[in-house]
PDB file of N, CA and C in Angstrom:
ATOM      1  N   MET A   1       0.921  -1.323  -0.084  1.00  0.00           N
ATOM      2  CA  MET A   1      -0.273  -0.113  -0.197  1.00  0.00           C
ATOM      3  C   MET A   1       0.937   1.465   0.135  1.00  0.00           C
ATOM      4  N   ARG A   2       0.337   2.294  -0.839  1.00  0.00           N
ATOM      5  CA  ARG A   2       0.874   3.975  -0.868  1.00  0.00           C
ATOM      6  C   ARG A   2       0.863   4.180   0.898  1.00  0.00           C
ATOM      7  N   GLN A   3       2.314   4.603   0.698  1.00  0.00           N
ATOM      8  CA  GLN A   3       1.893   5.364   1.996  1.00  0.00           C
ATOM      9  C   GLN A   3       2.423   7.143   1.967  1.00  0.00           C
ATOM     10  N   ASP A   4       1.915   7.015   1.420  1.00  0.00           N
ATOM     11  CA  ASP A   4       1.833   8.755   0.422  1.00  0.00           C
ATOM     12  C   ASP A   4       0.839   9.319  -0.293  1.00  0.00           C
ATOM     13  N   LEU A   5      -0.238   8.913  -0.445  1.00  0.00           N
ATOM     14  CA  LEU A   5      -1.623   9.233  -0.388  1.00  0.00           C
ATOM     15  C   LEU A   5      -2.082   9.936   0.949  1.00  0.00           C
ATOM     16  N   PHE A   6      -3.036  10.446   0.674  1.00  0.00           N
ATOM     17  CA  PHE A   6      -3.515  11.561   1.716  1.00  0.00           C
ATOM     18  C   PHE A   6      -4.825  11.820   1.038  1.00  0.00           C
ATOM     19  N   VAL A   7      -5.984  11.931   2.776  1.00  0.00           N
ATOM     20  CA  VAL A   7      -7.306  13.159   2.252  1.00  0.00           C
ATOM     21  C   VAL A   7      -7.248  14.442   2.744  1.00  0.00           C
ATOM     22  N   SER A   8      -7.623  15.086   2.095  1.00  0.00           N
ATOM     23  CA  SER A   8      -8.073  16.676   3.430  1.00  0.00           C
ATOM     24  C   SER A   8      -9.175  17.219   2.998  1.00  0.00           C
ATOM     25  N   LYS A   9     -10.090  17.982   3.942  1.00  0.00           N
ATOM     26  CA  LYS A   9     -11.152  18.378   3.546  1.00  0.00           C
ATOM     27  C   LYS A   9     -10.888  19.423   4.948  1.00  0.00           C
ATOM     28  N   SER A  10     -12.110  20.774   4.313  1.00  0.00           N
ATOM     29  CA  SER A  10     -11.969  21.503   5.251  1.00  0.00           C
ATOM     30  C   SER A  10     -13.785  22.786   5.037  1.00  0.00           C
ATOM     31  N   ILE A  11     -13.945  23.243   5.155  1.00  0.00           N
ATOM     32  CA  ILE A  11     -15.426  23.795   5.574  1.00  0.00           C
ATOM     33  C   ILE A  11     -14.710  25.170   5.948  1.00  0.00           C
ATOM     34  N   VAL A  12     -15.737  25.694   6.093  1.00  0.00           N
ATOM     35  CA  VAL A  12     -16.084  27.234   6.475  1.00  0.00           C
ATOM     36  C   VAL A  12     -17.103  27.393   7.178  1.00  0.00           C
ATOM     37  N   ILE A  13     -17.344  28.119   8.749  1.00  0.00           N
ATOM     38  CA  ILE A  13     -17.749  28.048   9.959  1.00  0.00           C
ATOM     39  C   ILE A  13     -17.974  29.055   9.733  1.00  0.00           C
ATOM     40  N   HIS A  14     -19.200  30.389   9.283  1.00  0.00           N
ATOM     41  CA  HIS A  14     -19.865  31.270   9.525  1.00  0.00           C
ATOM     42  C   HIS A  14     -19.789  32.111  10.764  1.00  0.00           C
ATOM     43  N   ALA A  15     -19.190  31.633  11.637  1.00  0.00           N
ATOM     44  CA  ALA A  15     -19.536  32.108  13.086  1.00  0.00           C
ATOM     45  C   ALA A  15     -18.211  32.444  13.556  1.00  0.00           C
ATOM     46  N   SER A  16     -18.153  32.994  15.069  1.00  0.00           N
ATOM     47  CA  SER A  16     -16.865  33.710  16.000  1.00  0.00           C
ATOM     48  C   SER A  16     -16.410  32.387  16.502  1.00  0.00           C
ATOM     49  N   ALA A  17     -15.369  32.566  16.936  1.00  0.00           N
ATOM     50  CA  ALA A  17     -14.420  30.958  17.565  1.00  0.00           C
ATOM     51  C   ALA A  17     -15.114  30.987  18.914  1.00  0.00           C
ATOM     52  N   PHE A  18     -15.818  32.311  19.692  1.00  0.00           N
ATOM     53  CA  PHE A  18     -16.867  32.017  20.613  1.00  0.00           C
ATOM     54  C   PHE A  18     -17.740  30.812  20.767  1.00  0.00           C
ATOM     55  N   LYS A  19     -18.548  31.362  19.754  1.00  0.00           N
ATOM     56  CA  LYS A  19     -19.852  30.697  19.336  1.00  0.00           C
ATOM     57  C   LYS A  19     -19.606  29.421  18.901  1.00  0.00           C
ATOM     58  N   VAL A  20     -18.713  29.315  17.790  1.00  0.00           N
ATOM     59  CA  VAL A  20     -18.296  27.719  17.609  1.00  0.00           C
ATOM     60  C   VAL A  20     -17.251  27.141  18.965  1.00  0.00           C
ATOM     61  N   TRP A  21     -17.153  27.422  20.210  1.00  0.00           N
ATOM     62  CA  TRP A  21     -16.636  26.939  20.827  1.00  0.00           C
ATOM     63  C   TRP A  21     -17.475  26.649  21.599  1.00  0.00           C
ATOM     64  N   THR A  22     -18.319  27.657  22.404  1.00  0.00           N
ATOM     65  CA  THR A  22     -19.699  27.302  22.311  1.00  0.00           C
ATOM     66  C   THR A  22     -20.578  26.037  22.707  1.00  0.00           C
ATOM     67  N   VAL A  23     -20.822  26.012  21.447  1.00  0.00           N
ATOM     68  CA  VAL A  23     -21.207  24.698  20.750  1.00  0.00           C
ATOM     69  C   VAL A  23     -20.917  23.636  20.559  1.00  0.00           C
ATOM     70  N   LEU A  24     -19.473  23.548  20.968  1.00  0.00           N
ATOM     71  CA  LEU A  24     -18.859  21.992  20.833  1.00  0.00           C
ATOM     72  C   LEU A  24     -18.543  22.262  22.308  1.00  0.00           C
ATOM     73  N   THR A  25     -18.796  22.427  23.394  1.00  0.00           N
ATOM     74  CA  THR A  25     -18.647  22.459  24.795  1.00  0.00           C
ATOM     75  C   THR A  25     -20.055  22.667  25.704  1.00  0.00           C
ATOM     76  N   ASN A  26     -20.581  22.863  25.202  1.00  0.00           N
ATOM     77  CA  ASN A  26     -22.614  23.270  25.966  1.00  0.00           C
ATOM     78  C   ASN A  26     -23.058  21.854  25.795  1.00  0.00           C
ATOM     79  N   SER A  27     -23.490  20.655  26.817  1.00  0.00           N
ATOM     80  CA  SER A  27     -24.244  20.080  26.844  1.00  0.00           C
ATOM     81  C   SER A  27     -25.364  20.001  25.625  1.00  0.00           C
ATOM     82  N   GLU A  28     -26.361  21.381  26.211  1.00  0.00           N
ATOM     83  CA  GLU A  28     -27.111  20.984  25.641  1.00  0.00           C
ATOM     84  C   GLU A  28     -27.272  21.146  24.535  1.00  0.00           C
ATOM     85  N   LEU A  29     -26.512  22.786  23.835  1.00  0.00           N
ATOM     86  CA  LEU A  29     -26.547  22.390  21.837  1.00  0.00           C
ATOM     87  C   LEU A  29     -25.554  21.232  21.703  1.00  0.00           C
ATOM     88  N   ILE A  30     -24.927  20.588  22.549  1.00  0.00           N
ATOM     89  CA  ILE A  30     -24.197  19.549  21.652  1.00  0.00           C
ATOM     90  C   ILE A  30     -26.170  18.417  21.345  1.00  0.00           C
ATOM     91  N   LYS A  31     -26.227  17.998  22.545  1.00  0.00           N
ATOM     92  CA  LYS A  31     -27.436  17.499  22.327  1.00  0.00           C
ATOM     93  C   LYS A  31     -28.880  17.884  21.011  1.00  0.00           C
ATOM     94  N   GLU A  32     -28.263  18.857  21.258  1.00  0.00           N
ATOM     95  CA  GLU A  32     -29.366  19.975  20.254  1.00  0.00           C
ATOM     96  C   GLU A  32     -28.503  19.727  18.554  1.00  0.00           C
ATOM     97  N   PHE A  33     -28.055  20.264  18.727  1.00  0.00           N
ATOM     98  CA  PHE A  33     -26.978  19.677  16.986  1.00  0.00           C
ATOM     99  C   PHE A  33     -26.817  18.538  16.471  1.00  0.00           C
ATOM    100  N   LEU A  34     -26.756  17.432  17.970  1.00  0.00           N
ATOM    101  CA  LEU A  34     -25.939  15.971  16.906  1.00  0.00           C
ATOM    102  C   LEU A  34     -27.250  14.961  18.147  1.00  0.00           C
ATOM    103  N   TYR A  35     -28.306  15.428  17.881  1.00  0.00           N
ATOM    104  CA  TYR A  35     -29.713  14.555  17.616  1.00  0.00           C
ATOM    105  C   TYR A  35     -29.732  13.687  19.050  1.00  0.00           C
ATOM    106  N   GLY A  36     -30.221  14.514  19.849  1.00  0.00           N
ATOM    107  CA  GLY A  36     -30.462  13.879  21.023  1.00  0.00           C
ATOM    108  C   GLY A  36     -28.697  13.580  21.723  1.00  0.00           C
ATOM    109  N   THR A  37     -27.771  12.986  21.530  1.00  0.00           N
ATOM    110  CA  THR A  37     -26.378  12.621  22.375  1.00  0.00           C
ATOM    111  C   THR A  37     -26.131  13.764  23.573  1.00  0.00           C
ATOM    112  N   GLU A  38     -25.942  12.590  24.012  1.00  0.00           N
ATOM    113  CA  GLU A  38     -25.686  13.210  25.365  1.00  0.00           C
ATOM    114  C   GLU A  38     -23.868  13.255  25.706  1.00  0.00           C
ATOM    115  N   THR A  39     -23.757  14.252  27.045  1.00  0.00           N
ATOM    116  CA  THR A  39     -22.077  14.292  26.394  1.00  0.00           C
ATOM    117  C   THR A  39     -21.987  14.258  28.144  1.00  0.00           C
ATOM    118  N   ALA A  40     -20.915  12.933  28.769  1.00  0.00           N
ATOM    119  CA  ALA A  40     -20.786  12.600  29.913  1.00  0.00           C
ATOM    120  C   ALA A  40     -19.066  13.234  29.899  1.00  0.00           C
ATOM    121  N   THR A  41     -18.616  14.186  30.777  1.00  0.00           N
ATOM    122  CA  THR A  41     -17.835  14.799  31.035  1.00  0.00           C
ATOM    123  C   THR A  41     -17.717  15.097  32.530  1.00  0.00           C
ATOM    124  N   THR A  42     -15.998  15.753  32.947  1.00  0.00           N
ATOM    125  CA  THR A  42     -15.903  17.167  33.760  1.00  0.00           C
ATOM    126  C   THR A  42     -15.561  18.118  33.234  1.00  0.00           C
ATOM    127  N   TRP A  43     -15.013  18.360  31.815  1.00  0.00           N
ATOM    128  CA  TRP A  43     -14.849  19.531  30.950  1.00  0.00           C
ATOM    129  C   TRP A  43     -13.443  20.005  31.268  1.00  0.00           C
ATOM    130  N   GLU A  44     -12.774  18.888  32.541  1.00  0.00           N
ATOM    131  CA  GLU A  44     -11.387  19.433  32.815  1.00  0.00           C
ATOM    132  C   GLU A  44     -10.402  19.165  31.925  1.00  0.00           C
ATOM    133  N   GLN A  45      -9.551  19.787  31.709  1.00  0.00           N
ATOM    134  CA  GLN A  45      -8.516  19.336  30.452  1.00  0.00           C
ATOM    135  C   GLN A  45      -7.908  18.458  30.925  1.00  0.00           C
ATOM    136  N   GLY A  46      -7.742  17.551  29.787  1.00  0.00           N
ATOM    137  CA  GLY A  46      -6.873  15.977  30.314  1.00  0.00           C
ATOM    138  C   GLY A  46      -7.761  15.085  30.400  1.00  0.00           C
ATOM    139  N   LYS A  47      -9.275  15.088  30.556  1.00  0.00           N
ATOM    140  CA  LYS A  47     -10.723  14.726  31.252  1.00  0.00           C
ATOM    141  C   LYS A  47     -11.123  13.737  30.351  1.00  0.00           C
ATOM    142  N   ASN A  48     -11.340  12.422  30.353  1.00  0.00           N
ATOM    143  CA  ASN A  48     -12.305  11.989  29.399  1.00  0.00           C
ATOM    144  C   ASN A  48     -13.565  12.494  28.643  1.00  0.00           C
ATOM    145  N   ILE A  49     -13.755  12.926  27.525  1.00  0.00           N
ATOM    146  CA  ILE A  49     -15.528  12.705  27.216  1.00  0.00           C
ATOM    147  C   ILE A  49     -15.507  12.102  26.408  1.00  0.00           C
ATOM    148  N   TYR A  50     -17.178  11.788  26.409  1.00  0.00           N
ATOM    149  CA  TYR A  50     -18.188  10.396  26.219  1.00  0.00           C
ATOM    150  C   TYR A  50     -19.378  11.562  25.140  1.00  0.00           C
ATOM    151  N   PHE A  51     -19.201  10.435  24.380  1.00  0.00           N
ATOM    152  CA  PHE A  51     -20.193  11.182  23.131  1.00  0.00           C
ATOM    153  C   PHE A  51     -21.370  10.175  23.086  1.00  0.00           C
ATOM    154  N   LEU A  52     -22.297  10.051  24.322  1.00  0.00           N
ATOM    155  CA  LEU A  52     -23.766   8.718  24.388  1.00  0.00           C
ATOM    156  C   LEU A  52     -24.481   8.927  23.795  1.00  0.00           C
ATOM    157  N   ASN A  53     -24.961   8.266  23.015  1.00  0.00           N
ATOM    158  CA  ASN A  53     -26.939   7.691  22.415  1.00  0.00           C
ATOM    159  C   ASN A  53     -27.654   7.129  23.146  1.00  0.00           C
ATOM    160  N   ILE A  54     -28.597   6.816  22.573  1.00  0.00           N
ATOM    161  CA  ILE A  54     -29.758   6.228  24.179  1.00  0.00           C
ATOM    162  C   ILE A  54     -29.026   4.900  23.999  1.00  0.00           C
ATOM    163  N   SER A  55     -28.275   3.801  22.470  1.00  0.00           N
ATOM    164  CA  SER A  55     -28.112   2.783  22.254  1.00  0.00           C
ATOM    165  C   SER A  55     -26.842   2.252  22.940  1.00  0.00           C
ATOM    166  N   HIS A  56     -25.648   3.538  22.760  1.00  0.00           N
ATOM    167  CA  HIS A  56     -24.128   2.639  22.218  1.00  0.00           C
ATOM    168  C   HIS A  56     -23.546   4.513  22.704  1.00  0.00           C
ATOM    169  N   ILE A  57     -22.248   3.867  22.518  1.00  0.00           N
ATOM    170  CA  ILE A  57     -21.180   5.295  22.788  1.00  0.00           C
ATOM    171  C   ILE A  57     -21.150   5.468  21.100  1.00  0.00           C
ATOM    172  N   LEU A  58     -21.284   7.304  21.070  1.00  0.00           N
ATOM    173  CA  LEU A  58     -20.857   7.276  19.337  1.00  0.00           C
ATOM    174  C   LEU A  58     -18.688   7.181  19.341  1.00  0.00           C
ATOM    175  N   MET A  59     -18.600   8.051  20.485  1.00  0.00           N
ATOM    176  CA  MET A  59     -16.645   8.443  20.237  1.00  0.00           C
ATOM    177  C   MET A  59     -16.860   8.866  21.825  1.00  0.00           C
ATOM    178  N   SER A  60     -15.422   8.225  21.829  1.00  0.00           N
ATOM    179  CA  SER A  60     -14.545   8.924  23.508  1.00  0.00           C
ATOM    180  C   SER A  60     -13.558   9.468  22.498  1.00  0.00           C
ATOM    181  N   ASN A  61     -13.023  10.181  23.500  1.00  0.00           N
ATOM    182  CA  ASN A  61     -11.273  10.215  23.061  1.00  0.00           C
ATOM    183  C   ASN A  61     -10.049   9.818  24.085  1.00  0.00           C
ATOM    184  N   ASN A  62     -10.935   8.173  24.311  1.00  0.00           N
ATOM    185  CA  ASN A  62     -10.118   7.213  25.084  1.00  0.00           C
ATOM    186  C   ASN A  62      -9.304   6.470  24.777  1.00  0.00           C
ATOM    187  N   ARG A  63      -8.218   6.237  25.073  1.00  0.00           N
ATOM    188  CA  ARG A  63      -7.188   5.594  23.567  1.00  0.00           C
ATOM    189  C   ARG A  63      -7.077   3.696  24.143  1.00  0.00           C
TER     190      ARG A  63
END
């Protein structure tokens, strides 16, 4: 397999950095924009963040 292949994608978000950060870190807004997804975290630096829906864990920063 070739190691020099990659994919790149970008988007433009028409909002201030403050507004984007607020949506990414506000549990109620996450729930609204990610179709009912709940967050489980203390929001402390270096701590785990879990994104959960009714049936399973969607994403985690756990390694």
